[in-house]
Amino acid sequence: MSDTNQFLSSISVSYGNRWRDFGFMWVFYIFNLSLAMLFYWLARVPKTQTRVEKSKEKR
């Protein structure tokens, strides 16, 4: 391919949709960041007081 526009048209990307695609990129980024924080919270944040007390006893 000798032209970038030719490549972009082959994968159905157009300059006219740049702001829509930019918005999709940010939604994707925020969604992934939110999921990462949720999984971190589920794995690392103590859920009950007994877990907190057990961790204090170990020290």
PDB file of N, CA and C in Angstrom:
ATOM      1  N   MET A   1       0.843  -1.179   0.000  1.00  0.00           N
ATOM      2  CA  MET A   1       0.000   0.000   0.000  1.00  0.00           C
ATOM      3  C   MET A   1       0.885   1.238   0.000  1.00  0.00           C
ATOM      4  N   SER A   2       0.526   2.139  -0.815  1.00  0.00           N
ATOM      5  CA  SER A   2       1.333   3.351  -0.949  1.00  0.00           C
ATOM      6  C   SER A   2       0.731   4.539  -0.209  1.00  0.00           C
ATOM      7  N   ASP A   3      -0.467   4.382   0.318  1.00  0.00           N
ATOM      8  CA  ASP A   3      -1.165   5.510   0.920  1.00  0.00           C
ATOM      9  C   ASP A   3      -1.819   5.076   2.229  1.00  0.00           C
ATOM     10  N   THR A   4      -1.681   5.888   3.253  1.00  0.00           N
ATOM     11  CA  THR A   4      -2.284   5.575   4.547  1.00  0.00           C
ATOM     12  C   THR A   4      -3.801   5.538   4.459  1.00  0.00           C
ATOM     13  N   ASN A   5      -4.381   6.458   3.708  1.00  0.00           N
ATOM     14  CA  ASN A   5      -5.837   6.485   3.571  1.00  0.00           C
ATOM     15  C   ASN A   5      -6.366   5.204   2.944  1.00  0.00           C
ATOM     16  N   GLN A   6      -5.600   4.647   2.041  1.00  0.00           N
ATOM     17  CA  GLN A   6      -5.995   3.385   1.412  1.00  0.00           C
ATOM     18  C   GLN A   6      -6.043   2.263   2.461  1.00  0.00           C
ATOM     19  N   PHE A   7      -5.049   2.231   3.341  1.00  0.00           N
ATOM     20  CA  PHE A   7      -5.040   1.228   4.405  1.00  0.00           C
ATOM     21  C   PHE A   7      -6.201   1.443   5.368  1.00  0.00           C
ATOM     22  N   LEU A   8      -6.402   2.688   5.794  1.00  0.00           N
ATOM     23  CA  LEU A   8      -7.478   2.978   6.741  1.00  0.00           C
ATOM     24  C   LEU A   8      -8.847   2.647   6.162  1.00  0.00           C
ATOM     25  N   SER A   9      -9.040   2.900   4.898  1.00  0.00           N
ATOM     26  CA  SER A   9     -10.331   2.564   4.289  1.00  0.00           C
ATOM     27  C   SER A   9     -10.531   1.051   4.211  1.00  0.00           C
ATOM     28  N   SER A  10      -9.445   0.295   4.112  1.00  0.00           N
ATOM     29  CA  SER A  10      -9.585  -1.166   4.070  1.00  0.00           C
ATOM     30  C   SER A  10     -10.033  -1.746   5.410  1.00  0.00           C
ATOM     31  N   ILE A  11      -9.788  -1.011   6.509  1.00  0.00           N
ATOM     32  CA  ILE A  11     -10.251  -1.480   7.828  1.00  0.00           C
ATOM     33  C   ILE A  11     -11.415  -0.630   8.340  1.00  0.00           C
ATOM     34  N   SER A  12     -12.040   0.110   7.448  1.00  0.00           N
ATOM     35  CA  SER A  12     -13.246   0.910   7.724  1.00  0.00           C
ATOM     36  C   SER A  12     -13.031   1.984   8.784  1.00  0.00           C
ATOM     37  N   VAL A  13     -11.933   2.694   8.687  1.00  0.00           N
ATOM     38  CA  VAL A  13     -11.656   3.825   9.571  1.00  0.00           C
ATOM     39  C   VAL A  13     -11.614   5.075   8.710  1.00  0.00           C
ATOM     40  N   SER A  14     -12.344   6.107   9.141  1.00  0.00           N
ATOM     41  CA  SER A  14     -12.325   7.349   8.365  1.00  0.00           C
ATOM     42  C   SER A  14     -12.034   8.534   9.279  1.00  0.00           C
ATOM     43  N   TYR A  15     -11.483   9.569   8.687  1.00  0.00           N
ATOM     44  CA  TYR A  15     -11.143  10.781   9.422  1.00  0.00           C
ATOM     45  C   TYR A  15     -12.390  11.458   9.980  1.00  0.00           C
ATOM     46  N   GLY A  16     -13.502  11.291   9.336  1.00  0.00           N
ATOM     47  CA  GLY A  16     -14.744  11.913   9.784  1.00  0.00           C
ATOM     48  C   GLY A  16     -15.244  11.382  11.121  1.00  0.00           C
ATOM     49  N   ASN A  17     -14.810  10.201  11.489  1.00  0.00           N
ATOM     50  CA  ASN A  17     -15.231   9.604  12.762  1.00  0.00           C
ATOM     51  C   ASN A  17     -14.185   9.768  13.858  1.00  0.00           C
ATOM     52  N   ARG A  18     -13.267  10.699  13.696  1.00  0.00           N
ATOM     53  CA  ARG A  18     -12.149  10.805  14.633  1.00  0.00           C
ATOM     54  C   ARG A  18     -12.595  11.109  16.055  1.00  0.00           C
ATOM     55  N   TRP A  19     -13.581  11.977  16.247  1.00  0.00           N
ATOM     56  CA  TRP A  19     -14.002  12.324  17.604  1.00  0.00           C
ATOM     57  C   TRP A  19     -14.788  11.184  18.237  1.00  0.00           C
ATOM     58  N   ARG A  20     -15.558  10.480  17.447  1.00  0.00           N
ATOM     59  CA  ARG A  20     -16.260   9.305  17.958  1.00  0.00           C
ATOM     60  C   ARG A  20     -15.253   8.250  18.390  1.00  0.00           C
ATOM     61  N   ASP A  21     -14.266   8.001  17.556  1.00  0.00           N
ATOM     62  CA  ASP A  21     -13.244   7.011  17.880  1.00  0.00           C
ATOM     63  C   ASP A  21     -12.409   7.447  19.085  1.00  0.00           C
ATOM     64  N   PHE A  22     -12.137   8.737  19.190  1.00  0.00           N
ATOM     65  CA  PHE A  22     -11.419   9.275  20.346  1.00  0.00           C
ATOM     66  C   PHE A  22     -12.224   9.048  21.624  1.00  0.00           C
ATOM     67  N   GLY A  23     -13.534   9.261  21.544  1.00  0.00           N
ATOM     68  CA  GLY A  23     -14.405   9.000  22.691  1.00  0.00           C
ATOM     69  C   GLY A  23     -14.431   7.531  23.062  1.00  0.00           C
ATOM     70  N   PHE A  24     -14.490   6.650  22.061  1.00  0.00           N
ATOM     71  CA  PHE A  24     -14.439   5.206  22.328  1.00  0.00           C
ATOM     72  C   PHE A  24     -13.140   4.828  23.023  1.00  0.00           C
ATOM     73  N   MET A  25     -12.042   5.458  22.613  1.00  0.00           N
ATOM     74  CA  MET A  25     -10.755   5.166  23.234  1.00  0.00           C
ATOM     75  C   MET A  25     -10.786   5.513  24.720  1.00  0.00           C
ATOM     76  N   TRP A  26     -11.342   6.673  25.062  1.00  0.00           N
ATOM     77  CA  TRP A  26     -11.398   7.076  26.466  1.00  0.00           C
ATOM     78  C   TRP A  26     -12.357   6.205  27.268  1.00  0.00           C
ATOM     79  N   VAL A  27     -13.476   5.827  26.677  1.00  0.00           N
ATOM     80  CA  VAL A  27     -14.404   4.921  27.366  1.00  0.00           C
ATOM     81  C   VAL A  27     -13.723   3.589  27.631  1.00  0.00           C
ATOM     82  N   PHE A  28     -12.998   3.067  26.664  1.00  0.00           N
ATOM     83  CA  PHE A  28     -12.257   1.818  26.818  1.00  0.00           C
ATOM     84  C   PHE A  28     -11.214   1.945  27.927  1.00  0.00           C
ATOM     85  N   TYR A  29     -10.485   3.053  27.941  1.00  0.00           N
ATOM     86  CA  TYR A  29      -9.458   3.284  28.957  1.00  0.00           C
ATOM     87  C   TYR A  29     -10.067   3.356  30.356  1.00  0.00           C
ATOM     88  N   ILE A  30     -11.126   4.127  30.515  1.00  0.00           N
ATOM     89  CA  ILE A  30     -11.754   4.288  31.830  1.00  0.00           C
ATOM     90  C   ILE A  30     -12.384   2.979  32.291  1.00  0.00           C
ATOM     91  N   PHE A  31     -13.004   2.241  31.392  1.00  0.00           N
ATOM     92  CA  PHE A  31     -13.591   0.943  31.727  1.00  0.00           C
ATOM     93  C   PHE A  31     -12.514  -0.023  32.221  1.00  0.00           C
ATOM     94  N   ASN A  32     -11.392  -0.107  31.506  1.00  0.00           N
ATOM     95  CA  ASN A  32     -10.317  -1.005  31.916  1.00  0.00           C
ATOM     96  C   ASN A  32      -9.698  -0.576  33.238  1.00  0.00           C
ATOM     97  N   LEU A  33      -9.522   0.709  33.435  1.00  0.00           N
ATOM     98  CA  LEU A  33      -8.984   1.206  34.699  1.00  0.00           C
ATOM     99  C   LEU A  33      -9.937   0.884  35.848  1.00  0.00           C
ATOM    100  N   SER A  34     -11.230   1.055  35.621  1.00  0.00           N
ATOM    101  CA  SER A  34     -12.225   0.746  36.652  1.00  0.00           C
ATOM    102  C   SER A  34     -12.225  -0.737  36.997  1.00  0.00           C
ATOM    103  N   LEU A  35     -12.145  -1.589  35.995  1.00  0.00           N
ATOM    104  CA  LEU A  35     -12.088  -3.032  36.261  1.00  0.00           C
ATOM    105  C   LEU A  35     -10.824  -3.412  37.023  1.00  0.00           C
ATOM    106  N   ALA A  36      -9.707  -2.820  36.672  1.00  0.00           N
ATOM    107  CA  ALA A  36      -8.456  -3.110  37.377  1.00  0.00           C
ATOM    108  C   ALA A  36      -8.561  -2.704  38.840  1.00  0.00           C
ATOM    109  N   MET A  37      -9.147  -1.542  39.098  1.00  0.00           N
ATOM    110  CA  MET A  37      -9.310  -1.090  40.482  1.00  0.00           C
ATOM    111  C   MET A  37     -10.293  -1.980  41.236  1.00  0.00           C
ATOM    112  N   LEU A  38     -11.356  -2.415  40.580  1.00  0.00           N
ATOM    113  CA  LEU A  38     -12.324  -3.305  41.213  1.00  0.00           C
ATOM    114  C   LEU A  38     -11.679  -4.633  41.593  1.00  0.00           C
ATOM    115  N   PHE A  39     -10.933  -5.233  40.658  1.00  0.00           N
ATOM    116  CA  PHE A  39     -10.280  -6.509  40.956  1.00  0.00           C
ATOM    117  C   PHE A  39      -9.229  -6.351  42.045  1.00  0.00           C
ATOM    118  N   TYR A  40      -8.516  -5.224  42.059  1.00  0.00           N
ATOM    119  CA  TYR A  40      -7.557  -4.967  43.131  1.00  0.00           C
ATOM    120  C   TYR A  40      -8.287  -4.871  44.468  1.00  0.00           C
ATOM    121  N   TRP A  41      -9.392  -4.148  44.492  1.00  0.00           N
ATOM    122  CA  TRP A  41     -10.151  -3.987  45.728  1.00  0.00           C
ATOM    123  C   TRP A  41     -10.687  -5.331  46.208  1.00  0.00           C
ATOM    124  N   LEU A  42     -11.195  -6.150  45.292  1.00  0.00           N
ATOM    125  CA  LEU A  42     -11.717  -7.462  45.674  1.00  0.00           C
ATOM    126  C   LEU A  42     -10.624  -8.361  46.234  1.00  0.00           C
ATOM    127  N   ALA A  43      -9.422  -8.247  45.718  1.00  0.00           N
ATOM    128  CA  ALA A  43      -8.336  -9.127  46.136  1.00  0.00           C
ATOM    129  C   ALA A  43      -7.589  -8.605  47.357  1.00  0.00           C
ATOM    130  N   ARG A  44      -7.491  -7.301  47.544  1.00  0.00           N
ATOM    131  CA  ARG A  44      -6.612  -6.760  48.572  1.00  0.00           C
ATOM    132  C   ARG A  44      -7.312  -6.086  49.745  1.00  0.00           C
ATOM    133  N   VAL A  45      -8.457  -5.522  49.577  1.00  0.00           N
ATOM    134  CA  VAL A  45      -9.106  -4.775  50.647  1.00  0.00           C
ATOM    135  C   VAL A  45      -9.836  -5.740  51.566  1.00  0.00           C
ATOM    136  N   PRO A  46      -9.523  -5.702  52.883  1.00  0.00           N
ATOM    137  CA  PRO A  46     -10.225  -6.588  53.827  1.00  0.00           C
ATOM    138  C   PRO A  46     -11.726  -6.300  53.843  1.00  0.00           C
ATOM    139  N   LYS A  47     -12.504  -7.370  53.905  1.00  0.00           N
ATOM    140  CA  LYS A  47     -13.960  -7.216  53.830  1.00  0.00           C
ATOM    141  C   LYS A  47     -14.623  -7.183  55.211  1.00  0.00           C
ATOM    142  N   THR A  48     -14.017  -7.825  56.185  1.00  0.00           N
ATOM    143  CA  THR A  48     -14.624  -7.862  57.512  1.00  0.00           C
ATOM    144  C   THR A  48     -13.617  -7.406  58.552  1.00  0.00           C
ATOM    145  N   GLN A  49     -14.128  -7.102  59.708  1.00  0.00           N
ATOM    146  CA  GLN A  49     -13.272  -6.648  60.798  1.00  0.00           C
ATOM    147  C   GLN A  49     -12.335  -7.761  61.258  1.00  0.00           C
ATOM    148  N   THR A  50     -12.757  -9.026  61.145  1.00  0.00           N
ATOM    149  CA  THR A  50     -11.907 -10.127  61.599  1.00  0.00           C
ATOM    150  C   THR A  50     -10.634 -10.224  60.775  1.00  0.00           C
ATOM    151  N   ARG A  51     -10.703  -9.933  59.522  1.00  0.00           N
ATOM    152  CA  ARG A  51      -9.487  -9.957  58.702  1.00  0.00           C
ATOM    153  C   ARG A  51      -8.514  -8.879  59.155  1.00  0.00           C
ATOM    154  N   VAL A  52      -9.039  -7.721  59.513  1.00  0.00           N
ATOM    155  CA  VAL A  52      -8.184  -6.635  59.979  1.00  0.00           C
ATOM    156  C   VAL A  52      -7.551  -7.027  61.302  1.00  0.00           C
ATOM    157  N   GLU A  53      -8.339  -7.623  62.200  1.00  0.00           N
ATOM    158  CA  GLU A  53      -7.815  -8.030  63.499  1.00  0.00           C
ATOM    159  C   GLU A  53      -6.762  -9.120  63.346  1.00  0.00           C
ATOM    160  N   LYS A  54      -6.967 -10.066  62.443  1.00  0.00           N
ATOM    161  CA  LYS A  54      -5.993 -11.134  62.227  1.00  0.00           C
ATOM    162  C   LYS A  54      -4.674 -10.573  61.723  1.00  0.00           C
ATOM    163  N   SER A  55      -4.747  -9.588  60.850  1.00  0.00           N
ATOM    164  CA  SER A  55      -3.512  -9.018  60.319  1.00  0.00           C
ATOM    165  C   SER A  55      -2.766  -8.238  61.400  1.00  0.00           C
ATOM    166  N   LYS A  56      -3.485  -7.627  62.344  1.00  0.00           N
ATOM    167  CA  LYS A  56      -2.835  -6.917  63.445  1.00  0.00           C
ATOM    168  C   LYS A  56      -2.189  -7.895  64.415  1.00  0.00           C
ATOM    169  N   GLU A  57      -2.802  -9.071  64.624  1.00  0.00           N
ATOM    170  CA  GLU A  57      -2.257 -10.068  65.533  1.00  0.00           C
ATOM    171  C   GLU A  57      -0.951 -10.649  65.005  1.00  0.00           C
ATOM    172  N   LYS A  58      -0.811 -10.746  63.711  1.00  0.00           N
ATOM    173  CA  LYS A  58       0.399 -11.310  63.115  1.00  0.00           C
ATOM    174  C   LYS A  58       1.605 -10.405  63.328  1.00  0.00           C
ATOM    175  N   ARG A  59       1.387  -9.148  63.508  1.00  0.00           N
ATOM    176  CA  ARG A  59       2.501  -8.195  63.670  1.00  0.00           C
ATOM    177  C   ARG A  59       3.037  -8.320  65.021  1.00  0.00           C
TER     178      ARG A  59
END
